[in-house]
Protein backbone atom coordinates (compact mmCIF):
# COMPACT_ATOMS: atom_id res chain seq x y z
CA MET A 1 -0.06 -0.04 -0.04
CA ASN A 2 1.44 3.41 -1.01
CA LYS A 3 1.34 5.94 1.80
CA LYS A 4 0.21 9.47 1.31
CA TYR A 5 1.14 12.43 3.26
CA ILE A 6 -0.38 15.94 4.15
CA VAL A 7 1.17 19.28 4.43
CA LYS A 8 -0.44 21.27 7.29
CA PRO A 9 -0.06 24.75 8.62
CA SER A 10 1.68 24.73 11.99
CA CYS A 11 -0.12 27.62 13.56
CA GLU A 12 -3.54 28.18 11.94
CA GLU A 13 -7.05 27.63 13.21
CA GLY A 14 -10.16 26.66 11.50
CA SER A 15 -8.35 24.75 8.82
CA ALA A 16 -7.08 27.92 7.23
CA ASP A 17 -4.86 27.15 4.22
CA LEU A 18 -5.76 23.38 4.41
CA ASP A 19 -7.66 21.52 1.70
CA GLU A 20 -7.30 18.32 -0.38
CA GLN A 21 -4.54 19.74 -2.54
CA HIS A 22 -2.31 19.42 0.49
CA VAL A 23 -2.58 15.62 0.39
CA PHE A 24 0.16 14.15 -1.75
CA ASP A 25 1.83 11.08 -2.98
CA PRO A 26 5.63 11.15 -2.22
CA GLY A 27 6.36 9.34 -5.52
CA ARG A 28 5.06 12.22 -7.52
CA PRO A 29 7.77 13.40 -10.03
CA ASP A 30 7.63 17.07 -9.06
CA ILE A 31 7.21 16.47 -5.29
CA GLY A 32 10.58 18.04 -4.19
CA LYS A 33 9.91 21.24 -6.08
CA TRP A 34 6.35 21.42 -4.83
CA LEU A 35 7.32 20.84 -1.17
CA ARG A 36 9.88 23.64 -1.38
CA THR A 37 7.04 26.09 -1.97
CA PHE A 38 6.08 25.60 1.79
CA ASP A 39 8.04 27.47 4.50
CA PRO A 40 9.24 24.77 6.80
CA LYS A 41 8.74 27.15 9.74
CA ALA A 42 5.07 27.57 8.84
CA TYR A 43 4.19 23.97 7.80
CA PHE A 44 4.70 20.39 8.79
CA ILE A 45 4.14 17.06 7.05
CA GLU A 46 2.42 14.03 8.57
CA GLU A 47 1.10 10.77 7.23
CA TYR A 48 -2.38 11.13 5.75
CA ILE A 49 -4.71 8.57 7.32
CA ASP A 50 -7.36 7.50 4.90
CA GLY A 51 -10.34 6.31 7.01
CA ARG A 52 -13.16 7.35 9.25
CA GLU A 53 -12.95 10.58 11.12
CA PHE A 54 -14.39 11.27 14.58
CA ASN A 55 -14.53 14.36 16.86
CA LEU A 56 -14.58 13.68 20.55
CA SER A 57 -15.81 16.51 22.82
CA VAL A 58 -14.99 16.44 26.44
CA THR A 59 -15.63 18.62 29.59
CA GLY A 60 -14.13 18.12 33.03
CA LYS A 61 -10.70 17.73 34.46
CA PRO A 62 -8.21 14.80 34.76
CA GLY A 63 -9.78 11.95 36.58
CA ASP A 64 -13.38 13.35 36.07
CA TYR A 65 -14.15 13.76 32.47
CA VAL A 66 -17.53 13.84 30.80
CA MET A 67 -17.62 12.47 27.35
CA TYR A 68 -20.20 13.68 24.86
CA PRO A 69 -21.59 11.46 22.19
CA ILE A 70 -19.17 10.72 19.29
CA PRO A 71 -19.91 12.19 15.91
CA GLU A 72 -18.46 10.87 12.76
CA MET A 73 -17.64 13.15 9.88
CA ILE A 74 -19.36 11.78 6.76
CA PHE A 75 -17.92 12.62 3.37
CA SER A 76 -20.89 11.80 1.11
CA ASP A 77 -20.62 11.27 -2.60
CA TYR A 78 -16.92 12.04 -2.70
CA PRO A 79 -15.51 10.69 -5.98
CA PRO A 80 -12.78 8.06 -5.85
CA GLY A 81 -9.39 9.69 -5.35
CA LYS A 82 -10.74 12.79 -3.73
CA ALA A 83 -9.00 13.23 -0.24
CA ARG A 84 -11.50 13.17 2.59
CA ILE A 85 -10.40 15.90 4.89
CA LEU A 86 -12.04 18.54 6.96
CA GLY A 87 -10.41 21.47 5.21
CA TYR A 88 -11.15 25.07 4.82
CA ARG A 89 -13.73 24.62 2.10
CA SER A 90 -15.68 21.95 3.98
CA LYS A 91 -15.87 24.20 7.08
CA TRP A 92 -16.33 27.66 5.65
CA GLU A 93 -17.27 27.86 1.92
CA GLU A 94 -20.94 27.21 1.91
CA THR A 95 -21.20 27.00 -1.85
CA SER A 96 -18.40 24.43 -2.21
CA PHE A 97 -18.79 20.74 -2.96
CA GLU A 98 -16.80 19.95 0.26
CA TYR A 99 -19.25 22.05 2.50
CA LYS A 100 -22.38 20.62 0.86
CA HIS A 101 -21.04 16.93 1.06
CA THR A 102 -19.53 16.85 4.48
CA CYS A 103 -21.63 16.49 7.58
CA ARG A 104 -21.56 15.37 11.28
CA GLN A 105 -23.55 12.24 12.11
CA PHE A 106 -24.09 10.67 15.54
CA ASN A 107 -24.79 7.08 16.35
CA THR A 108 -22.54 5.61 13.62
CA LEU A 109 -20.70 3.49 16.27
CA GLU A 110 -23.80 1.60 17.60
CA GLU A 111 -22.57 -1.49 15.78
CA ASP A 112 -19.00 -1.14 16.97
CA PRO A 113 -18.96 -0.55 20.74
CA GLY A 114 -15.28 -1.66 20.93
CA LEU A 115 -14.21 1.10 18.55
CA ALA A 116 -16.31 3.62 20.55
CA ALA A 117 -14.63 2.52 23.67
CA ARG A 118 -11.21 2.86 22.09
CA LEU A 119 -11.96 6.36 20.91
CA ARG A 120 -13.14 7.38 24.40
CA GLN A 121 -10.03 5.88 25.93
CA THR A 122 -7.96 7.83 23.43
CA ALA A 123 -9.70 11.11 24.31
CA VAL A 124 -9.28 10.58 27.97
CA ALA A 125 -5.60 9.72 27.53
CA CYS A 126 -5.05 12.91 25.66
CA GLY A 127 -6.78 14.91 28.38
CA GLU A 128 -4.70 13.20 31.00
CA ILE A 129 -1.39 13.52 29.20
CA PHE A 130 -1.84 17.23 28.49
CA ASN A 131 -3.58 17.79 31.89
CA LEU A 132 -6.60 19.51 30.17
CA SER A 133 -9.42 20.95 32.20
CA GLY A 134 -12.59 22.83 31.12
CA TYR A 135 -13.30 21.58 27.72
CA PHE A 136 -11.41 20.06 24.76
CA ARG A 137 -11.82 18.15 21.54
CA VAL A 138 -9.83 15.34 20.15
CA ASP A 139 -10.01 14.71 16.39
CA VAL A 140 -9.22 11.15 15.45
CA ARG A 141 -8.92 9.17 12.21
CA VAL A 142 -9.38 5.41 12.23
CA ASP A 143 -7.57 3.52 9.42
CA ASN A 144 -8.99 0.48 7.71
CA GLU A 145 -7.46 -1.87 10.35
CA GLY A 146 -9.47 0.00 13.04
CA THR A 147 -6.42 1.76 14.54
CA PRO A 148 -7.17 5.23 15.87
CA TYR A 149 -4.71 8.09 15.08
CA VAL A 150 -4.96 11.42 16.88
CA LEU A 151 -4.92 14.21 14.32
CA GLU A 152 -5.36 17.05 16.80
CA VAL A 153 -5.94 17.84 20.50
CA ASN A 154 -7.82 21.19 20.54
CA ALA A 155 -7.69 22.63 24.15
CA ASN A 156 -9.89 25.58 23.07
CA PRO A 157 -12.35 24.41 20.42
CA CYS A 158 -15.06 26.58 19.11
CA ILE A 159 -18.14 26.72 21.13
CA SER A 160 -20.32 28.88 19.04
CA PRO A 161 -23.94 27.78 18.86
CA ASP A 162 -23.39 25.93 15.59
CA SER A 163 -20.13 24.26 16.54
CA GLY A 164 -19.50 20.59 16.73
CA PHE A 165 -18.70 20.80 20.45
CA ILE A 166 -22.17 22.28 21.16
CA ALA A 167 -23.78 19.80 18.85
CA ALA A 168 -22.27 16.95 20.74
CA GLY A 169 -23.36 18.40 24.07
CA LEU A 170 -26.94 18.83 22.80
CA GLN A 171 -26.87 15.30 21.57
CA ALA A 172 -25.98 14.20 25.12
CA GLY A 173 -29.10 16.01 26.39
CA PHE A 174 -27.46 19.00 27.81
CA SER A 175 -28.62 22.56 27.09
CA ARG A 176 -26.12 25.25 25.97
CA VAL A 177 -26.30 26.66 29.40
CA ASP A 178 -25.59 23.23 30.96
CA ILE A 179 -22.50 22.94 28.72
CA ILE A 180 -21.14 26.30 29.72
CA ARG A 181 -21.84 25.45 33.46
CA GLN A 182 -19.83 22.25 33.03
CA ILE A 183 -16.94 24.24 31.56
CA ILE A 184 -17.10 26.86 34.35
CA ALA A 185 -17.37 24.24 37.13
CA CYS A 186 -13.87 23.03 36.11
CA LEU A 187 -12.33 26.33 36.97
CA ASN A 188 -12.71 25.82 40.76
């Protein structure tokens, strides 16, 4: 199996300057020239994990985390060969193919409680390792063999009314006020 890689900005939020054109095959003839167009101080390269993507939203503090329901990012009707990433277009450009064909879906893990448990363990381990309190989100890709890979640990995810974090809290049965109260309670 040929591995692919992705060039990501080091210090950007909201997937700024990140879309499918950043996924590449290292065997491409012009790859060296193309990679030199990226400032190594502003970008890094990691393996692209082709698989399912999940976002785990958590409140609490080490030893006492509250896990919200786990949504899967669904890339519907993506043609073969099109990289499935949550890039800038899928998050912000409402008229783009990526925005219209990428959605958050809950309850996709009902048939695989083992994977759901591994994802929760991964999120808790990230919280414990980084000593996170209040709220955070862990973005995970699961490869075709079922191995979870952490893409990002976001210690300050968006909590706007239409954010994924709030959607997960609402799915858990909490109101927006309940979610904010859980976050504030961790400050004591």
